[in-house]
């Protein structure tokens, strides 16, 4: 019989709830060892927690090393579940209790030993910083547009910052490519992705990263991970429209939209698929997202 433990993870501590008692331990090896002692048999232990970025990495690595099973619940899913059970208050202790109660929603196939690939984490961290640089560059360019042309010193300063950020961003992009293409098969995969009309070098790298993060995911699972799976809401006489769920990660969904718009013009297969969706009454933008899924 499974011994479930709900865990709320923060930078320094872990709040635990095992169905009977709450505990607070340090987010380190001593705390992880305490968790193992909460179950008489390690094989029965099942941890339930949210993937709180780098704060969860040590716990995931510990589970991987000691073959401890877990259910990792997405933040939005956990938040929606808390609302569904009318839990209005929010503290670390309460969050651990909510995650413990979530065990009633868990299917057997969701219980797995989590894994952490260090080089993939390095790529993700560099991607996040890279995108932060790009966002900052856009903001600085907007500031230049809003600056009086006569203020030459300020404009020169902003352009200097932009040049520095572009150089740093290019360096990170090269590091990302190096980490993603360590093996020949990965280099070949990148090359093949770039043969898709509309998919450029950066889009291909973004796709390759997601495929490497989820190597065993099927095509429909990848579509769901991107939030491109269709959902329909109807109630009584209200007839809703089919829309994409938008519950997956936003990185690929946002990055693939413009490449898909281009691909619809130059990829015969996607153009026929897109035109069929539009002919069936689908909005053009939703049809473009449908082409995302078809490509994936």
Protein backbone atom coordinates (compact mmCIF):
# COMPACT_ATOMS: atom_id res chain seq x y z
CA UNK A 1 0.00 0.00 0.00
CA UNK A 2 1.40 3.39 -1.02
CA UNK A 3 2.56 5.80 1.66
CA UNK A 4 1.83 9.24 0.19
CA UNK A 5 3.58 12.36 1.43
CA UNK A 6 2.63 15.84 0.25
CA UNK A 7 5.63 18.17 0.04
CA UNK A 8 5.69 21.94 -0.37
CA UNK A 9 9.16 22.99 -1.49
CA UNK A 10 10.82 26.31 -0.72
CA UNK A 11 14.41 27.46 -1.02
CA UNK A 12 15.54 26.42 2.47
CA UNK A 13 12.85 24.09 3.80
CA UNK A 14 10.35 21.37 2.94
CA UNK A 15 6.89 21.22 4.51
CA UNK A 16 5.61 17.65 4.71
CA UNK A 17 2.24 16.06 5.43
CA UNK A 18 1.75 12.27 5.60
CA UNK A 19 -1.99 12.20 6.28
CA UNK A 20 -1.58 12.34 10.04
CA UNK A 21 1.09 14.83 10.95
CA UNK A 22 2.88 17.86 9.51
CA UNK A 23 6.65 18.24 9.54
CA UNK A 24 9.17 20.89 8.48
CA UNK A 25 12.66 19.82 7.46
CA UNK A 26 15.61 21.38 5.68
CA UNK A 27 15.78 21.22 1.89
CA UNK A 28 18.96 19.16 1.91
CA UNK A 29 20.19 15.59 2.26
CA UNK A 30 19.28 15.45 5.96
CA UNK A 31 15.71 16.46 5.17
CA UNK A 32 15.47 13.90 2.35
CA UNK A 33 16.74 11.17 4.66
CA UNK A 34 14.01 12.08 7.18
CA UNK A 35 11.38 11.70 4.44
CA UNK A 36 12.55 8.17 3.69
CA UNK A 37 12.10 7.26 7.36
CA UNK A 38 8.41 8.19 7.22
CA UNK A 39 7.72 4.92 5.41
CA UNK A 40 8.71 1.55 6.75
CA UNK A 41 9.29 0.25 3.22
CA UNK A 42 10.92 2.47 0.61
CA UNK A 43 8.97 0.70 -2.14
CA UNK A 44 5.68 2.04 -0.69
CA UNK A 45 6.81 5.68 -0.56
CA UNK A 46 5.23 8.12 -3.05
CA UNK A 47 6.06 11.84 -2.87
CA UNK A 48 3.73 14.48 -4.29
CA UNK A 49 5.19 17.90 -5.00
CA UNK A 50 5.29 20.77 -7.48
CA UNK A 51 8.32 21.35 -9.76
CA UNK A 52 9.40 24.60 -8.12
CA UNK A 53 12.35 25.29 -10.39
CA UNK A 54 15.85 24.91 -9.01
CA UNK A 55 14.53 24.48 -5.46
CA UNK A 56 13.15 21.05 -6.43
CA UNK A 57 16.25 19.84 -8.28
CA UNK A 58 18.00 18.39 -5.24
CA UNK A 59 14.92 16.40 -4.20
CA UNK A 60 14.40 15.10 -7.76
CA UNK A 61 18.05 14.05 -7.95
CA UNK A 62 17.72 12.28 -4.58
CA UNK A 63 14.62 10.41 -5.79
CA UNK A 64 16.44 9.41 -8.97
CA UNK A 65 19.46 8.14 -7.06
CA UNK A 66 17.43 6.12 -4.53
CA UNK A 67 14.61 5.01 -6.87
CA UNK A 68 11.93 6.82 -4.87
CA UNK A 69 8.66 7.22 -6.73
CA UNK A 70 6.90 10.54 -7.02
CA UNK A 71 4.04 12.44 -8.63
CA UNK A 72 5.06 15.88 -9.87
CA UNK A 73 2.01 18.14 -10.08
CA UNK A 74 2.03 21.23 -12.28
CA UNK A 75 1.59 24.52 -10.43
CA UNK A 76 -1.62 25.44 -12.28
CA UNK A 77 -3.06 21.97 -11.72
CA UNK A 78 -2.28 22.16 -8.00
CA UNK A 79 -3.81 25.64 -7.78
CA UNK A 80 -6.97 24.54 -9.59
CA UNK A 81 -7.29 21.51 -7.33
CA UNK A 82 -6.98 23.69 -4.22
CA UNK A 83 -9.84 25.83 -5.52
CA UNK A 84 -11.93 22.74 -6.27
CA UNK A 85 -11.74 21.62 -2.63
CA UNK A 86 -12.52 25.19 -1.49
CA UNK A 87 -9.11 25.76 0.08
CA UNK A 88 -8.82 29.53 0.28
CA UNK A 89 -5.95 29.94 2.72
CA UNK A 90 -2.42 29.41 1.47
CA UNK A 91 0.57 28.62 3.65
CA UNK A 92 3.42 26.18 3.15
CA UNK A 93 1.82 23.80 5.67
CA UNK A 94 -1.59 23.98 3.98
CA UNK A 95 -0.05 23.54 0.52
CA UNK A 96 1.58 20.29 1.69
CA UNK A 97 -1.80 19.08 2.96
CA UNK A 98 -3.48 19.98 -0.34
CA UNK A 99 -0.82 18.06 -2.28
CA UNK A 100 -1.39 15.06 0.01
CA UNK A 101 -5.12 15.18 -0.70
CA UNK A 102 -4.30 15.29 -4.41
CA UNK A 103 -3.41 11.59 -4.13
CA UNK A 104 -7.08 10.80 -4.83
CA UNK A 105 -6.61 12.18 -8.36
CA UNK A 106 -3.47 10.18 -9.13
CA UNK A 107 -3.54 7.45 -11.78
CA UNK A 108 -1.06 4.54 -11.39
CA UNK A 109 0.87 5.52 -14.54
CA UNK A 110 1.58 8.96 -13.03
CA UNK A 111 3.69 7.41 -10.28
CA UNK A 112 7.25 7.20 -11.57
CA UNK A 113 10.80 7.72 -10.43
CA UNK A 114 11.60 11.31 -11.53
CA UNK A 115 14.82 12.03 -13.36
CA UNK A 116 17.04 15.06 -13.71
CA UNK A 117 19.38 15.44 -16.67
CA UNK A 118 22.12 17.94 -15.67
CA UNK A 119 23.00 19.01 -19.22
CA UNK A 120 19.32 19.59 -20.05
CA UNK A 121 18.99 21.75 -16.94
CA UNK A 122 22.02 23.74 -18.09
CA UNK A 123 20.32 24.32 -21.44
CA UNK A 124 17.05 25.41 -19.80
CA UNK A 125 18.85 27.86 -17.54
CA UNK A 126 20.75 29.33 -20.47
CA UNK A 127 17.56 29.55 -22.51
CA UNK A 128 15.84 31.46 -19.71
CA UNK A 129 18.72 33.94 -19.47
CA UNK A 130 18.90 34.20 -23.27
CA UNK A 131 15.20 35.07 -23.49
CA UNK A 132 15.65 37.56 -20.65
CA UNK A 133 18.38 39.27 -22.66
CA UNK A 134 16.12 39.43 -25.73
CA UNK A 135 13.27 40.92 -23.71
CA UNK A 136 15.62 43.54 -22.27
CA UNK A 137 16.92 44.40 -25.75
CA UNK A 138 13.35 45.03 -26.93
CA UNK A 139 12.70 47.29 -23.93
CA UNK A 140 15.90 49.25 -24.52
CA UNK A 141 15.03 49.73 -28.19
CA UNK A 142 11.62 51.04 -27.11
CA UNK A 143 13.36 53.46 -24.76
CA UNK A 144 15.49 54.72 -27.66
CA UNK A 145 12.32 55.31 -29.69
CA UNK A 146 10.88 57.30 -26.77
CA UNK A 147 14.03 59.40 -26.28
CA UNK A 148 14.48 62.82 -27.87
CA UNK A 149 17.01 62.48 -30.76
CA UNK A 150 18.93 65.48 -29.38
CA UNK A 151 19.85 63.51 -26.24
CA UNK A 152 22.78 61.88 -27.99
CA UNK A 153 24.61 60.83 -24.82
CA UNK A 154 21.63 58.85 -23.48
CA UNK A 155 20.96 57.19 -26.82
CA UNK A 156 24.62 56.24 -27.16
CA UNK A 157 24.52 54.69 -23.66
CA UNK A 158 21.40 52.66 -24.50
CA UNK A 159 22.90 51.44 -27.79
CA UNK A 160 26.05 50.39 -25.96
CA UNK A 161 23.98 48.31 -23.53
CA UNK A 162 22.08 46.73 -26.42
CA UNK A 163 25.32 45.80 -28.20
CA UNK A 164 26.66 44.21 -25.01
CA UNK A 165 23.46 42.21 -24.46
CA UNK A 166 23.42 41.03 -28.07
CA UNK A 167 26.97 39.77 -27.71
CA UNK A 168 26.09 37.95 -24.48
CA UNK A 169 22.93 36.50 -26.07
CA UNK A 170 24.88 35.19 -29.08
CA UNK A 171 27.37 33.53 -26.74
CA UNK A 172 24.55 31.83 -24.81
CA UNK A 173 22.92 30.64 -28.03
CA UNK A 174 26.21 29.02 -29.07
CA UNK A 175 26.47 27.34 -25.66
CA UNK A 176 22.90 26.06 -25.98
CA UNK A 177 23.62 24.55 -29.39
CA UNK A 178 26.82 22.92 -28.11
CA UNK A 179 25.01 21.34 -25.16
CA UNK A 180 22.12 20.12 -27.33
CA UNK A 181 24.27 18.58 -30.07
CA UNK A 182 26.90 16.67 -28.13
CA UNK A 183 26.08 13.48 -30.01
CA UNK A 184 25.92 12.87 -33.76
CA UNK A 185 22.28 11.74 -33.62
CA UNK A 186 21.35 15.06 -32.00
CA UNK A 187 23.23 16.97 -34.71
CA UNK A 188 21.32 14.97 -37.31
CA UNK A 189 18.02 15.67 -35.55
CA UNK A 190 18.76 19.41 -35.61
CA UNK A 191 19.64 19.21 -39.29
CA UNK A 192 16.39 17.39 -40.10
CA UNK A 193 14.28 19.88 -38.12
CA UNK A 194 15.76 22.74 -40.14
CA UNK A 195 14.56 21.12 -43.37
CA UNK A 196 10.94 21.86 -42.36
CA UNK A 197 9.79 24.98 -44.26
CA UNK A 198 9.35 27.85 -41.82
CA UNK A 199 11.61 26.35 -39.12
CA UNK A 200 14.79 28.37 -38.68
CA UNK A 201 17.85 27.64 -36.58
CA UNK A 202 16.50 29.05 -33.31
CA UNK A 203 13.11 27.36 -33.69
CA UNK A 204 14.86 24.06 -34.45
CA UNK A 205 16.95 24.38 -31.28
CA UNK A 206 13.79 25.07 -29.24
CA UNK A 207 12.10 21.97 -30.70
CA UNK A 208 15.16 19.79 -30.13
CA UNK A 209 15.32 20.86 -26.48
CA UNK A 210 11.69 19.85 -25.86
CA UNK A 211 12.13 16.52 -27.64
CA UNK A 212 15.21 15.80 -25.51
CA UNK A 213 13.36 16.76 -22.32
CA UNK A 214 10.60 14.28 -23.10
CA UNK A 215 12.31 11.53 -25.13
CA UNK A 216 9.54 8.96 -24.63
CA UNK A 217 6.56 11.26 -25.21
CA UNK A 218 4.23 10.39 -28.07
CA UNK A 219 3.10 13.01 -30.59
CA UNK A 220 -0.24 13.61 -28.84
CA UNK A 221 1.57 13.95 -25.52
CA UNK A 222 3.96 16.52 -26.97
CA UNK A 223 0.97 18.46 -28.30
CA UNK A 224 -0.52 18.49 -24.78
CA UNK A 225 2.80 19.53 -23.24
CA UNK A 226 2.79 22.56 -25.54
CA UNK A 227 -0.81 23.38 -24.59
CA UNK A 228 -1.98 22.83 -28.17
CA UNK A 229 -4.49 20.07 -27.38
CA UNK A 230 -8.09 21.01 -28.25
CA UNK A 231 -10.68 21.59 -25.52
CA UNK A 232 -14.42 22.18 -25.84
CA UNK A 233 -16.63 23.87 -23.26
CA UNK A 234 -20.40 23.46 -23.51
CA UNK A 235 -23.13 23.85 -20.93
CA UNK A 236 -26.88 23.66 -21.45
CA UNK A 237 -27.79 25.71 -24.49
CA UNK A 238 -24.37 27.32 -24.62
CA UNK A 239 -22.31 25.89 -27.46
CA UNK A 240 -18.70 26.82 -27.07
CA UNK A 241 -15.95 26.73 -29.66
CA UNK A 242 -13.07 24.31 -29.73
CA UNK A 243 -9.94 26.07 -28.50
CA UNK A 244 -6.45 25.05 -27.54
CA UNK A 245 -5.96 24.37 -23.83
CA UNK A 246 -2.89 26.62 -23.37
CA UNK A 247 -2.08 24.55 -20.28
CA UNK A 248 1.33 23.41 -21.39
CA UNK A 249 4.58 25.32 -21.54
CA UNK A 250 4.49 28.61 -23.42
CA UNK A 251 8.00 28.49 -24.90
CA UNK A 252 7.27 26.45 -28.00
CA UNK A 253 3.73 27.74 -28.44
CA UNK A 254 4.93 31.33 -28.76
CA UNK A 255 8.07 30.52 -30.74
CA UNK A 256 6.33 28.37 -33.34
CA UNK A 257 3.46 30.70 -34.19
CA UNK A 258 5.31 32.89 -36.71
CA UNK A 259 7.25 29.95 -38.24
CA UNK A 260 3.89 28.23 -38.73
CA UNK A 261 2.46 31.31 -40.47
CA UNK A 262 5.43 31.16 -42.84
CA UNK A 263 5.16 27.38 -43.27
CA UNK A 264 1.49 27.63 -44.23
CA UNK A 265 2.59 29.65 -47.26
CA UNK A 266 5.44 27.38 -48.37
CA UNK A 267 4.68 23.89 -47.00
CA UNK A 268 2.07 22.23 -49.25
CA UNK A 269 1.01 19.72 -46.61
CA UNK A 270 0.45 22.35 -43.93
CA UNK A 271 -1.23 24.73 -46.34
CA UNK A 272 -3.81 22.09 -47.32
CA UNK A 273 -4.36 21.23 -43.65
CA UNK A 274 -4.72 24.91 -42.72
CA UNK A 275 -7.15 25.66 -45.55
CA UNK A 276 -9.28 22.67 -44.59
CA UNK A 277 -9.53 23.92 -41.00
CA UNK A 278 -10.52 27.41 -42.15
CA UNK A 279 -13.07 25.96 -44.61
CA UNK A 280 -14.61 24.02 -41.72
CA UNK A 281 -15.22 27.25 -39.83
CA UNK A 282 -12.14 27.39 -37.62
CA UNK A 283 -10.75 30.88 -36.90
CA UNK A 284 -7.53 31.55 -38.80
CA UNK A 285 -5.44 31.99 -35.67
CA UNK A 286 -6.74 28.75 -34.13
CA UNK A 287 -6.07 27.01 -37.45
CA UNK A 288 -2.48 28.21 -37.28
CA UNK A 289 -2.15 26.69 -33.82
CA UNK A 290 -3.64 23.52 -35.25
CA UNK A 291 -0.80 23.49 -37.74
CA UNK A 292 1.61 23.68 -34.76
CA UNK A 293 0.19 20.38 -33.55
CA UNK A 294 0.26 18.85 -37.02
CA UNK A 295 3.95 19.77 -37.36
CA UNK A 296 4.76 18.33 -33.95
